[in-house]
Amino acid sequence: MSKKILVTGAAGFIGSHTVDALLARGDSVIGIDNFNDYYDPMQKERNIAQHAGNPFFKINRVDICDQESVRRIVHEEKPDRIIHLAARAGVRSSVENPLLYQHVNVCGTTVLLEAAREFGVKKFVFASSSSVYGSNKKMPFSENDAVDHPISPYAATKRAGELTCSTYHHLFGIDIACLRFFTVYGPRGRPDMAPYLFTKSIAEGKEFAVFGDGSARRDFTYIDDIVAGVIAASDKNRGYEIFNLGNSQMVEVNHLIRVIEQNLTKRANVSYANPTPGDVPVTCADISKARRILGYDPQTSIEEGMRRFVAWYNEQKQK
């Protein structure tokens, strides 16, 4: 049976792909996005342009910290579920703007949980991050690992969001899934993320910086695999749970650059700089819990995922 689902960050990278998938399976979507200028708002406009005029999709240009507007939307629309993807993202930017990250990510999440409580929304999905694992040495990262030492304001806000979700489940019985995303990439990806930055620089023949020596490894996870996990989590009713959503494959930054070079048939002009505060050297997800409970099964290798991303990037340039 189709559902009415509220998606925050609906015009963003992960949000717009989630909207696509929900509409494709017959759900109605109420979107919230404030189209902020963290990156070009026109990219966000393009992300959802295909749904203009769709009677099953409505976008509200609202800030998640605007309590009255959020209350009004949840009260009027009466969604069955909330998928909360909106946030200030980016580790490095959070080091420079910790108060902004605290306000949007912690206050905004609480505003949404309060609206869910007040108007009886019993299912809530929260987008967390692998950043909460900090400098954990044990690999792969498991949901049972200690996450008491975040090393960036961004990571701290995501952990705070998880704890606030746990409190709302305990007090009010809301079913909540916290999803720890691992380095998501793909078409519509954020321009400040390495796959986009490196592709743009190599395509334009410009020098770009890699922080560290390029040996840092990331669990790059393709957008379609992430969205499948988000929707599977939204369909389950299991109390309060935390799930890793990654690819469970570690890819060196230098290997990512080689893959992009092959797709563009151009050589990279790389300079290496000191690692930045808040960055972690390695991320890798233990996804056994998500496999077992959600049926989560990522399918996309870095080679195939970047082939699709570069094709999208070239298509956007031509437009």
C-alpha atoms as a PDB file:
ATOM      1  CA  MET A   1       0.000   0.000   0.000  1.00  0.00           C
ATOM      2  CA  SER A   2       1.352   3.433  -0.915  1.00  0.00           C
ATOM      3  CA  LYS A   3       2.483   5.758   1.858  1.00  0.00           C
ATOM      4  CA  LYS A   4       2.809   9.498   2.351  1.00  0.00           C
ATOM      5  CA  ILE A   5       6.425  10.164   3.295  1.00  0.00           C
ATOM      6  CA  LEU A   6       8.036  13.410   4.442  1.00  0.00           C
ATOM      7  CA  VAL A   7      11.605  13.736   3.142  1.00  0.00           C
ATOM      8  CA  THR A   8      13.864  16.495   4.456  1.00  0.00           C
ATOM      9  CA  GLY A   9      16.734  17.631   2.256  1.00  0.00           C
ATOM     10  CA  ALA A  10      14.530  16.524  -0.639  1.00  0.00           C
ATOM     11  CA  ALA A  11      16.370  18.599  -3.259  1.00  0.00           C
ATOM     12  CA  GLY A  12      19.831  17.519  -2.158  1.00  0.00           C
ATOM     13  CA  PHE A  13      22.002  14.679  -3.393  1.00  0.00           C
ATOM     14  CA  ILE A  14      20.714  11.721  -1.372  1.00  0.00           C
ATOM     15  CA  GLY A  15      17.321  13.340  -0.827  1.00  0.00           C
ATOM     16  CA  SER A  16      16.465  13.818  -4.494  1.00  0.00           C
ATOM     17  CA  HIS A  17      17.412  10.233  -5.344  1.00  0.00           C
ATOM     18  CA  THR A  18      15.277   9.027  -2.439  1.00  0.00           C
ATOM     19  CA  VAL A  19      12.365  11.109  -3.742  1.00  0.00           C
ATOM     20  CA  ASP A  20      12.813   9.541  -7.194  1.00  0.00           C
ATOM     21  CA  ALA A  21      12.707   6.014  -5.784  1.00  0.00           C
ATOM     22  CA  LEU A  22       9.708   6.635  -3.516  1.00  0.00           C
ATOM     23  CA  LEU A  23       7.651   8.211  -6.311  1.00  0.00           C
ATOM     24  CA  ALA A  24       8.653   5.415  -8.690  1.00  0.00           C
ATOM     25  CA  ARG A  25       7.150   2.821  -6.364  1.00  0.00           C
ATOM     26  CA  GLY A  26       3.918   4.754  -5.918  1.00  0.00           C
ATOM     27  CA  ASP A  27       4.381   6.685  -2.673  1.00  0.00           C
ATOM     28  CA  SER A  28       3.444  10.338  -2.169  1.00  0.00           C
ATOM     29  CA  VAL A  29       6.309  12.591  -1.070  1.00  0.00           C
ATOM     30  CA  ILE A  30       6.234  15.809   0.935  1.00  0.00           C
ATOM     31  CA  GLY A  31       9.631  17.453   0.550  1.00  0.00           C
ATOM     32  CA  ILE A  32      11.327  20.003   2.793  1.00  0.00           C
ATOM     33  CA  ASP A  33      14.453  21.856   1.652  1.00  0.00           C
ATOM     34  CA  ASN A  34      15.721  25.379   2.270  1.00  0.00           C
ATOM     35  CA  PHE A  35      17.926  25.431  -0.885  1.00  0.00           C
ATOM     36  CA  ASN A  36      20.811  26.950   1.064  1.00  0.00           C
ATOM     37  CA  ASP A  37      23.989  28.105  -0.662  1.00  0.00           C
ATOM     38  CA  TYR A  38      26.428  25.527   0.752  1.00  0.00           C
ATOM     39  CA  TYR A  39      26.716  24.734  -2.942  1.00  0.00           C
ATOM     40  CA  ASP A  40      24.910  26.158  -5.977  1.00  0.00           C
ATOM     41  CA  PRO A  41      21.153  26.136  -5.219  1.00  0.00           C
ATOM     42  CA  MET A  42      20.511  25.770  -8.959  1.00  0.00           C
ATOM     43  CA  GLN A  43      21.926  22.257  -8.812  1.00  0.00           C
ATOM     44  CA  LYS A  44      19.270  21.437  -6.205  1.00  0.00           C
ATOM     45  CA  GLU A  45      16.603  22.994  -8.423  1.00  0.00           C
ATOM     46  CA  ARG A  46      17.743  20.717 -11.264  1.00  0.00           C
ATOM     47  CA  ASN A  47      17.708  17.691  -8.949  1.00  0.00           C
ATOM     48  CA  ILE A  48      13.932  17.876  -8.522  1.00  0.00           C
ATOM     49  CA  ALA A  49      12.911  19.633 -11.751  1.00  0.00           C
ATOM     50  CA  GLN A  50      11.604  16.399 -13.287  1.00  0.00           C
ATOM     51  CA  HIS A  51       8.880  16.224 -10.626  1.00  0.00           C
ATOM     52  CA  ALA A  52       7.435  19.686 -11.274  1.00  0.00           C
ATOM     53  CA  GLY A  53       3.685  19.248 -11.689  1.00  0.00           C
ATOM     54  CA  ASN A  54       3.646  15.740 -10.214  1.00  0.00           C
ATOM     55  CA  PRO A  55       0.512  15.626  -8.007  1.00  0.00           C
ATOM     56  CA  PHE A  56       2.224  13.113  -5.721  1.00  0.00           C
ATOM     57  CA  PHE A  57       5.154  15.433  -4.919  1.00  0.00           C
ATOM     58  CA  LYS A  58       5.152  18.709  -3.048  1.00  0.00           C
ATOM     59  CA  ILE A  59       8.248  20.733  -2.108  1.00  0.00           C
ATOM     60  CA  ASN A  60       8.234  23.123   0.860  1.00  0.00           C
ATOM     61  CA  ARG A  61      11.011  25.724   0.839  1.00  0.00           C
ATOM     62  CA  VAL A  62      11.476  25.693   4.588  1.00  0.00           C
ATOM     63  CA  ASP A  63      14.365  25.529   7.052  1.00  0.00           C
ATOM     64  CA  ILE A  64      14.178  22.488   9.347  1.00  0.00           C
ATOM     65  CA  CYS A  65      15.008  24.774  12.307  1.00  0.00           C
ATOM     66  CA  ASP A  66      11.816  26.778  11.666  1.00  0.00           C
ATOM     67  CA  GLN A  67       9.698  25.009  14.261  1.00  0.00           C
ATOM     68  CA  GLU A  68       6.359  26.588  13.389  1.00  0.00           C
ATOM     69  CA  SER A  69       6.692  25.859   9.662  1.00  0.00           C
ATOM     70  CA  VAL A  70       7.742  22.263  10.305  1.00  0.00           C
ATOM     71  CA  ARG A  71       4.853  21.782  12.776  1.00  0.00           C
ATOM     72  CA  ARG A  72       2.402  23.200  10.246  1.00  0.00           C
ATOM     73  CA  ILE A  73       3.617  20.919   7.450  1.00  0.00           C
ATOM     74  CA  VAL A  74       3.504  17.766   9.584  1.00  0.00           C
ATOM     75  CA  HIS A  75       0.101  18.743  11.010  1.00  0.00           C
ATOM     76  CA  GLU A  76      -1.443  19.491   7.601  1.00  0.00           C
ATOM     77  CA  GLU A  77       0.139  16.682   5.575  1.00  0.00           C
ATOM     78  CA  LYS A  78      -0.067  13.921   8.209  1.00  0.00           C
ATOM     79  CA  PRO A  79       2.819  11.840   6.776  1.00  0.00           C
ATOM     80  CA  ASP A  80       3.045   8.149   7.637  1.00  0.00           C
ATOM     81  CA  ARG A  81       6.830   8.390   7.959  1.00  0.00           C
ATOM     82  CA  ILE A  82       9.647  10.922   8.103  1.00  0.00           C
ATOM     83  CA  ILE A  83      12.972  10.366   6.321  1.00  0.00           C
ATOM     84  CA  HIS A  84      15.279  13.032   7.731  1.00  0.00           C
ATOM     85  CA  LEU A  85      18.195  13.610   5.344  1.00  0.00           C
ATOM     86  CA  ALA A  86      18.645  17.389   5.670  1.00  0.00           C
ATOM     87  CA  ALA A  87      21.835  18.532   7.396  1.00  0.00           C
ATOM     88  CA  ARG A  88      24.851  20.745   7.158  1.00  0.00           C
ATOM     89  CA  ALA A  89      27.352  18.308   5.684  1.00  0.00           C
ATOM     90  CA  GLY A  90      31.123  18.276   5.410  1.00  0.00           C
ATOM     91  CA  VAL A  91      33.799  17.625   8.027  1.00  0.00           C
ATOM     92  CA  ARG A  92      36.155  20.448   7.055  1.00  0.00           C
ATOM     93  CA  SER A  93      33.471  23.112   6.891  1.00  0.00           C
ATOM     94  CA  SER A  94      32.211  22.067  10.324  1.00  0.00           C
ATOM     95  CA  VAL A  95      35.621  22.831  11.834  1.00  0.00           C
ATOM     96  CA  GLU A  96      35.248  26.401  10.555  1.00  0.00           C
ATOM     97  CA  ASN A  97      31.528  26.797  11.437  1.00  0.00           C
ATOM     98  CA  PRO A  98      30.786  24.634  14.490  1.00  0.00           C
ATOM     99  CA  LEU A  99      27.892  26.759  15.777  1.00  0.00           C
ATOM    100  CA  LEU A 100      26.069  26.582  12.444  1.00  0.00           C
ATOM    101  CA  TYR A 101      26.468  22.787  12.368  1.00  0.00           C
ATOM    102  CA  GLN A 102      25.242  22.473  15.930  1.00  0.00           C
ATOM    103  CA  HIS A 103      22.193  24.618  15.179  1.00  0.00           C
ATOM    104  CA  VAL A 104      21.104  22.920  11.956  1.00  0.00           C
ATOM    105  CA  ASN A 105      22.006  19.312  12.707  1.00  0.00           C
ATOM    106  CA  VAL A 106      21.047  19.071  16.368  1.00  0.00           C
ATOM    107  CA  CYS A 107      18.282  21.675  16.676  1.00  0.00           C
ATOM    108  CA  GLY A 108      16.793  20.761  13.272  1.00  0.00           C
ATOM    109  CA  THR A 109      16.657  17.064  14.141  1.00  0.00           C
ATOM    110  CA  THR A 110      14.964  17.836  17.463  1.00  0.00           C
ATOM    111  CA  VAL A 111      12.392  20.051  15.724  1.00  0.00           C
ATOM    112  CA  LEU A 112      11.465  17.150  13.432  1.00  0.00           C
ATOM    113  CA  LEU A 113      11.313  14.615  16.259  1.00  0.00           C
ATOM    114  CA  GLU A 114       9.076  16.977  18.237  1.00  0.00           C
ATOM    115  CA  ALA A 115       6.728  17.314  15.261  1.00  0.00           C
ATOM    116  CA  ALA A 116       6.679  13.525  14.873  1.00  0.00           C
ATOM    117  CA  ARG A 117       5.832  13.147  18.558  1.00  0.00           C
ATOM    118  CA  GLU A 118       3.167  15.834  18.577  1.00  0.00           C
ATOM    119  CA  PHE A 119       1.325  14.614  15.501  1.00  0.00           C
ATOM    120  CA  GLY A 120       1.723  10.873  15.918  1.00  0.00           C
ATOM    121  CA  VAL A 121       4.262   9.979  13.196  1.00  0.00           C
ATOM    122  CA  LYS A 122       5.460   6.572  14.357  1.00  0.00           C
ATOM    123  CA  LYS A 123       8.300   5.904  11.909  1.00  0.00           C
ATOM    124  CA  PHE A 124      11.424   8.049  11.615  1.00  0.00           C
ATOM    125  CA  VAL A 125      14.645   7.519   9.625  1.00  0.00           C
ATOM    126  CA  PHE A 126      17.676   9.623  10.566  1.00  0.00           C
ATOM    127  CA  ALA A 127      20.693  10.105   8.288  1.00  0.00           C
ATOM    128  CA  SER A 128      23.781   9.704  10.452  1.00  0.00           C
ATOM    129  CA  SER A 129      27.363   9.287   9.259  1.00  0.00           C
ATOM    130  CA  SER A 130      30.387   7.012   9.435  1.00  0.00           C
ATOM    131  CA  SER A 131      32.156  10.082  10.855  1.00  0.00           C
ATOM    132  CA  VAL A 132      30.838   9.103  14.299  1.00  0.00           C
ATOM    133  CA  TYR A 133      33.455   6.313  14.405  1.00  0.00           C
ATOM    134  CA  GLY A 134      36.238   8.918  14.644  1.00  0.00           C
ATOM    135  CA  SER A 135      39.715   7.383  14.649  1.00  0.00           C
ATOM    136  CA  ASN A 136      38.581   3.866  15.553  1.00  0.00           C
ATOM    137  CA  LYS A 137      41.374   1.456  14.732  1.00  0.00           C
ATOM    138  CA  LYS A 138      39.271  -1.713  14.497  1.00  0.00           C
ATOM    139  CA  MET A 139      38.180  -2.601  10.954  1.00  0.00           C
ATOM    140  CA  PRO A 140      35.545  -2.852   9.686  1.00  0.00           C
ATOM    141  CA  PHE A 141      33.469  -0.430  11.758  1.00  0.00           C
ATOM    142  CA  SER A 142      30.592  -2.142  13.540  1.00  0.00           C
ATOM    143  CA  GLU A 143      27.437  -0.628  15.012  1.00  0.00           C
ATOM    144  CA  ASN A 144      28.563  -2.060  18.379  1.00  0.00           C
ATOM    145  CA  ASP A 145      31.846  -0.120  18.395  1.00  0.00           C
ATOM    146  CA  ALA A 146      32.327   2.705  20.902  1.00  0.00           C
ATOM    147  CA  VAL A 147      31.635   6.098  19.292  1.00  0.00           C
ATOM    148  CA  ASP A 148      32.434   8.387  22.211  1.00  0.00           C
ATOM    149  CA  HIS A 149      35.271  10.314  20.576  1.00  0.00           C
ATOM    150  CA  PRO A 150      34.148  12.143  17.417  1.00  0.00           C
ATOM    151  CA  ILE A 151      36.971  14.206  15.925  1.00  0.00           C
ATOM    152  CA  SER A 152      34.978  16.899  14.101  1.00  0.00           C
ATOM    153  CA  PRO A 153      32.003  19.087  14.994  1.00  0.00           C
ATOM    154  CA  TYR A 154      30.085  17.443  12.132  1.00  0.00           C
ATOM    155  CA  ALA A 155      30.625  13.983  13.624  1.00  0.00           C
ATOM    156  CA  ALA A 156      29.643  15.243  17.068  1.00  0.00           C
ATOM    157  CA  THR A 157      26.355  16.613  15.728  1.00  0.00           C
ATOM    158  CA  LYS A 158      25.546  13.312  14.036  1.00  0.00           C
ATOM    159  CA  ARG A 159      26.219  11.379  17.233  1.00  0.00           C
ATOM    160  CA  ALA A 160      24.075  13.884  19.122  1.00  0.00           C
ATOM    161  CA  GLY A 161      21.304  13.249  16.595  1.00  0.00           C
ATOM    162  CA  GLU A 162      21.503   9.495  17.200  1.00  0.00           C
ATOM    163  CA  LEU A 163      21.263  10.006  20.972  1.00  0.00           C
ATOM    164  CA  THR A 164      18.308  12.370  20.614  1.00  0.00           C
ATOM    165  CA  CYS A 165      16.573   9.784  18.417  1.00  0.00           C
ATOM    166  CA  SER A 166      17.207   7.134  21.067  1.00  0.00           C
ATOM    167  CA  THR A 167      15.623   9.383  23.699  1.00  0.00           C
ATOM    168  CA  TYR A 168      12.500   9.971  21.582  1.00  0.00           C
ATOM    169  CA  HIS A 169      12.127   6.246  20.992  1.00  0.00           C
ATOM    170  CA  HIS A 170      12.471   5.543  24.712  1.00  0.00           C
ATOM    171  CA  LEU A 171      10.034   8.248  25.809  1.00  0.00           C
ATOM    172  CA  PHE A 172       7.456   8.207  23.010  1.00  0.00           C
ATOM    173  CA  GLY A 173       7.750   4.833  21.266  1.00  0.00           C
ATOM    174  CA  ILE A 174       8.686   6.193  17.838  1.00  0.00           C
ATOM    175  CA  ASP A 175      10.328   3.552  15.620  1.00  0.00           C
ATOM    176  CA  ILE A 176      13.656   5.066  14.588  1.00  0.00           C
ATOM    177  CA  ALA A 177      16.404   3.830  12.258  1.00  0.00           C
ATOM    178  CA  CYS A 178      19.707   5.731  12.355  1.00  0.00           C
ATOM    179  CA  LEU A 179      21.702   5.122   9.178  1.00  0.00           C
ATOM    180  CA  ARG A 180      25.453   5.643   9.198  1.00  0.00           C
ATOM    181  CA  PHE A 181      26.304   6.514   5.594  1.00  0.00           C
ATOM    182  CA  PHE A 182      29.794   5.785   4.267  1.00  0.00           C
ATOM    183  CA  THR A 183      31.124   8.289   1.643  1.00  0.00           C
ATOM    184  CA  VAL A 184      28.191   8.413  -0.750  1.00  0.00           C
ATOM    185  CA  TYR A 185      28.884   9.310  -4.404  1.00  0.00           C
ATOM    186  CA  GLY A 186      27.156   9.255  -7.772  1.00  0.00           C
ATOM    187  CA  PRO A 187      25.155  11.477 -10.149  1.00  0.00           C
ATOM    188  CA  ARG A 188      24.041  14.762  -8.504  1.00  0.00           C
ATOM    189  CA  GLY A 189      26.840  14.321  -5.969  1.00  0.00           C
ATOM    190  CA  ARG A 190      27.949  17.281  -3.883  1.00  0.00           C
ATOM    191  CA  PRO A 191      30.547  19.463  -5.639  1.00  0.00           C
ATOM    192  CA  ASP A 192      32.708  19.592  -2.486  1.00  0.00           C
ATOM    193  CA  MET A 193      33.153  15.801  -2.378  1.00  0.00           C
ATOM    194  CA  ALA A 194      36.278  14.149  -3.792  1.00  0.00           C
ATOM    195  CA  PRO A 195      34.627  12.255  -6.699  1.00  0.00           C
ATOM    196  CA  TYR A 196      33.121  15.491  -8.071  1.00  0.00           C
ATOM    197  CA  LEU A 197      36.093  17.742  -7.269  1.00  0.00           C
ATOM    198  CA  PHE A 198      38.620  15.355  -8.812  1.00  0.00           C
ATOM    199  CA  THR A 199      36.501  14.701 -11.907  1.00  0.00           C
ATOM    200  CA  LYS A 200      35.958  18.425 -12.545  1.00  0.00           C
ATOM    201  CA  SER A 201      39.647  19.247 -12.086  1.00  0.00           C
ATOM    202  CA  ILE A 202      40.891  16.421 -14.308  1.00  0.00           C
ATOM    203  CA  ALA A 203      38.288  17.205 -16.999  1.00  0.00           C
ATOM    204  CA  GLU A 204      39.372  20.858 -17.019  1.00  0.00           C
ATOM    205  CA  GLY A 205      43.093  20.082 -16.848  1.00  0.00           C
ATOM    206  CA  LYS A 206      43.490  21.928 -13.545  1.00  0.00           C
ATOM    207  CA  GLU A 207      45.727  21.074 -10.632  1.00  0.00           C
ATOM    208  CA  PHE A 208      43.978  19.915  -7.470  1.00  0.00           C
ATOM    209  CA  ALA A 209      45.072  19.099  -3.935  1.00  0.00           C
ATOM    210  CA  VAL A 210      44.835  15.782  -2.143  1.00  0.00           C
ATOM    211  CA  PHE A 211      45.058  16.059   1.628  1.00  0.00           C
ATOM    212  CA  GLY A 212      47.638  13.527   2.741  1.00  0.00           C
ATOM    213  CA  ASP A 213      49.607  11.252   0.400  1.00  0.00           C
ATOM    214  CA  GLY A 214      46.579   9.683  -1.297  1.00  0.00           C
ATOM    215  CA  SER A 215      46.814   6.464   0.701  1.00  0.00           C
ATOM    216  CA  ALA A 216      43.723   7.292   2.770  1.00  0.00           C
ATOM    217  CA  ARG A 217      41.032   4.699   2.142  1.00  0.00           C
ATOM    218  CA  ARG A 218      37.310   5.307   2.000  1.00  0.00           C
ATOM    219  CA  ASP A 219      34.311   3.032   1.798  1.00  0.00           C
ATOM    220  CA  PHE A 220      32.850   4.758  -1.284  1.00  0.00           C
ATOM    221  CA  THR A 221      29.173   3.792  -1.599  1.00  0.00           C
ATOM    222  CA  TYR A 222      27.118   4.371  -4.735  1.00  0.00           C
ATOM    223  CA  ILE A 223      23.944   6.404  -4.390  1.00  0.00           C
ATOM    224  CA  ASP A 224      21.548   3.699  -5.662  1.00  0.00           C
ATOM    225  CA  ASP A 225      22.812   1.279  -3.010  1.00  0.00           C
ATOM    226  CA  ILE A 226      22.380   3.893  -0.273  1.00  0.00           C
ATOM    227  CA  VAL A 227      18.827   4.742  -1.380  1.00  0.00           C
ATOM    228  CA  ALA A 228      17.871   1.051  -1.362  1.00  0.00           C
ATOM    229  CA  GLY A 229      19.042   0.919   2.260  1.00  0.00           C
ATOM    230  CA  VAL A 230      17.183   4.108   3.202  1.00  0.00           C
ATOM    231  CA  ILE A 231      13.895   2.802   1.811  1.00  0.00           C
ATOM    232  CA  ALA A 232      14.352  -0.652   3.344  1.00  0.00           C
ATOM    233  CA  ALA A 233      14.923   1.008   6.736  1.00  0.00           C
ATOM    234  CA  SER A 234      11.815   3.151   6.301  1.00  0.00           C
ATOM    235  CA  ASP A 235       9.743   0.025   5.637  1.00  0.00           C
ATOM    236  CA  LYS A 236      10.808  -1.761   8.844  1.00  0.00           C
ATOM    237  CA  ASN A 237       9.332  -1.286  12.315  1.00  0.00           C
ATOM    238  CA  ARG A 238      11.973  -2.424  14.767  1.00  0.00           C
ATOM    239  CA  GLY A 239      12.087   0.013  17.663  1.00  0.00           C
ATOM    240  CA  TYR A 240      15.411   1.888  17.750  1.00  0.00           C
ATOM    241  CA  GLU A 241      18.196   0.576  15.528  1.00  0.00           C
ATOM    242  CA  ILE A 242      21.489   1.799  14.065  1.00  0.00           C
ATOM    243  CA  PHE A 243      22.651   0.484  10.686  1.00  0.00           C
ATOM    244  CA  ASN A 244      25.847   0.939   8.691  1.00  0.00           C
ATOM    245  CA  LEU A 245      25.147   1.609   5.014  1.00  0.00           C
ATOM    246  CA  GLY A 246      28.404   1.242   3.107  1.00  0.00           C
ATOM    247  CA  ASN A 247      29.912  -0.814   0.318  1.00  0.00           C
ATOM    248  CA  SER A 248      32.228  -2.721   2.691  1.00  0.00           C
ATOM    249  CA  GLN A 249      35.148  -2.141   0.296  1.00  0.00           C
ATOM    250  CA  MET A 250      38.090   0.161   1.061  1.00  0.00           C
ATOM    251  CA  VAL A 251      39.266   2.228  -1.915  1.00  0.00           C
ATOM    252  CA  GLU A 252      42.478   4.268  -1.835  1.00  0.00           C
ATOM    253  CA  VAL A 253      42.105   7.903  -2.855  1.00  0.00           C
ATOM    254  CA  ASN A 254      44.918   7.354  -5.371  1.00  0.00           C
ATOM    255  CA  HIS A 255      42.941   4.481  -6.922  1.00  0.00           C
ATOM    256  CA  LEU A 256      39.873   6.710  -7.217  1.00  0.00           C
ATOM    257  CA  ILE A 257      42.001   9.210  -9.152  1.00  0.00           C
ATOM    258  CA  ARG A 258      43.221   6.467 -11.510  1.00  0.00           C
ATOM    259  CA  VAL A 259      39.633   5.337 -12.173  1.00  0.00           C
ATOM    260  CA  ILE A 260      38.621   8.904 -13.047  1.00  0.00           C
ATOM    261  CA  GLU A 261      41.649   9.284 -15.329  1.00  0.00           C
ATOM    262  CA  GLN A 262      40.620   6.135 -17.209  1.00  0.00           C
ATOM    263  CA  ASN A 263      37.038   7.346 -17.639  1.00  0.00           C
ATOM    264  CA  LEU A 264      38.087  10.786 -18.869  1.00  0.00           C
ATOM    265  CA  THR A 265      41.173   9.541 -20.753  1.00  0.00           C
ATOM    266  CA  LYS A 266      43.069  12.451 -19.188  1.00  0.00           C
ATOM    267  CA  ARG A 267      45.920  12.633 -16.718  1.00  0.00           C
ATOM    268  CA  ALA A 268      45.461  14.170 -13.276  1.00  0.00           C
ATOM    269  CA  ASN A 269      47.608  17.070 -12.104  1.00  0.00           C
ATOM    270  CA  VAL A 270      47.775  16.368  -8.364  1.00  0.00           C
ATOM    271  CA  SER A 271      49.516  18.177  -5.533  1.00  0.00           C
ATOM    272  CA  TYR A 272      49.658  16.689  -2.061  1.00  0.00           C
ATOM    273  CA  ALA A 273      48.979  18.698   1.100  1.00  0.00           C
ATOM    274  CA  ASN A 274      48.941  18.009   4.822  1.00  0.00           C
ATOM    275  CA  PRO A 275      45.915  16.097   6.125  1.00  0.00           C
ATOM    276  CA  THR A 276      43.231  18.385   7.527  1.00  0.00           C
ATOM    277  CA  PRO A 277      41.957  18.290  11.116  1.00  0.00           C
ATOM    278  CA  GLY A 278      38.901  16.068  11.504  1.00  0.00           C
ATOM    279  CA  ASP A 279      39.696  13.770   8.588  1.00  0.00           C
ATOM    280  CA  VAL A 280      40.090  10.064   9.338  1.00  0.00           C
ATOM    281  CA  PRO A 281      42.605   7.835   7.513  1.00  0.00           C
ATOM    282  CA  VAL A 282      40.348   4.827   6.848  1.00  0.00           C
ATOM    283  CA  THR A 283      36.638   4.013   6.776  1.00  0.00           C
ATOM    284  CA  CYS A 284      35.094   0.606   6.188  1.00  0.00           C
ATOM    285  CA  ALA A 285      31.603  -0.613   7.060  1.00  0.00           C
ATOM    286  CA  ASP A 286      30.592  -3.901   8.602  1.00  0.00           C
ATOM    287  CA  ILE A 287      27.229  -4.237   6.844  1.00  0.00           C
ATOM    288  CA  SER A 288      26.262  -7.659   8.201  1.00  0.00           C
ATOM    289  CA  LYS A 289      23.481  -6.214  10.381  1.00  0.00           C
ATOM    290  CA  ALA A 290      21.958  -4.247   7.483  1.00  0.00           C
ATOM    291  CA  ARG A 291      22.185  -7.356   5.266  1.00  0.00           C
ATOM    292  CA  ARG A 292      20.462  -9.506   7.865  1.00  0.00           C
ATOM    293  CA  ILE A 293      17.673  -7.148   8.896  1.00  0.00           C
ATOM    294  CA  LEU A 294      17.143  -4.863   5.890  1.00  0.00           C
ATOM    295  CA  GLY A 295      18.181  -7.166   3.062  1.00  0.00           C
ATOM    296  CA  TYR A 296      20.747  -4.485   2.188  1.00  0.00           C
ATOM    297  CA  ASP A 297      23.022  -5.716  -0.601  1.00  0.00           C
ATOM    298  CA  PRO A 298      25.223  -3.099  -2.303  1.00  0.00           C
ATOM    299  CA  GLN A 299      25.981  -4.000  -5.912  1.00  0.00           C
ATOM    300  CA  THR A 300      28.082  -1.197  -7.366  1.00  0.00           C
ATOM    301  CA  SER A 301      31.884  -1.264  -7.623  1.00  0.00           C
ATOM    302  CA  ILE A 302      33.882   1.961  -7.640  1.00  0.00           C
ATOM    303  CA  GLU A 303      34.731   1.337 -11.293  1.00  0.00           C
ATOM    304  CA  GLU A 304      31.088   1.014 -12.368  1.00  0.00           C
ATOM    305  CA  GLY A 305      29.881   3.776 -10.066  1.00  0.00           C
ATOM    306  CA  MET A 306      32.453   6.270 -11.323  1.00  0.00           C
ATOM    307  CA  ARG A 307      31.719   5.298 -14.934  1.00  0.00           C
ATOM    308  CA  ARG A 308      28.110   6.337 -14.321  1.00  0.00           C
ATOM    309  CA  PHE A 309      29.133   9.470 -12.447  1.00  0.00           C
ATOM    310  CA  VAL A 310      31.525  10.657 -15.171  1.00  0.00           C
ATOM    311  CA  ALA A 311      28.850  10.012 -17.818  1.00  0.00           C
ATOM    312  CA  TRP A 312      26.435  12.163 -15.778  1.00  0.00           C
ATOM    313  CA  TYR A 313      29.078  14.859 -15.301  1.00  0.00           C
ATOM    314  CA  ASN A 314      29.772  15.048 -19.041  1.00  0.00           C
ATOM    315  CA  GLU A 315      26.048  15.189 -19.787  1.00  0.00           C
ATOM    316  CA  GLN A 316      25.616  18.098 -17.358  1.00  0.00           C
ATOM    317  CA  LYS A 317      28.499  19.994 -18.941  1.00  0.00           C
ATOM    318  CA  GLN A 318      26.911  19.664 -22.381  1.00  0.00           C
ATOM    319  CA  LYS A 319      23.607  20.994 -21.043  1.00  0.00           C
END
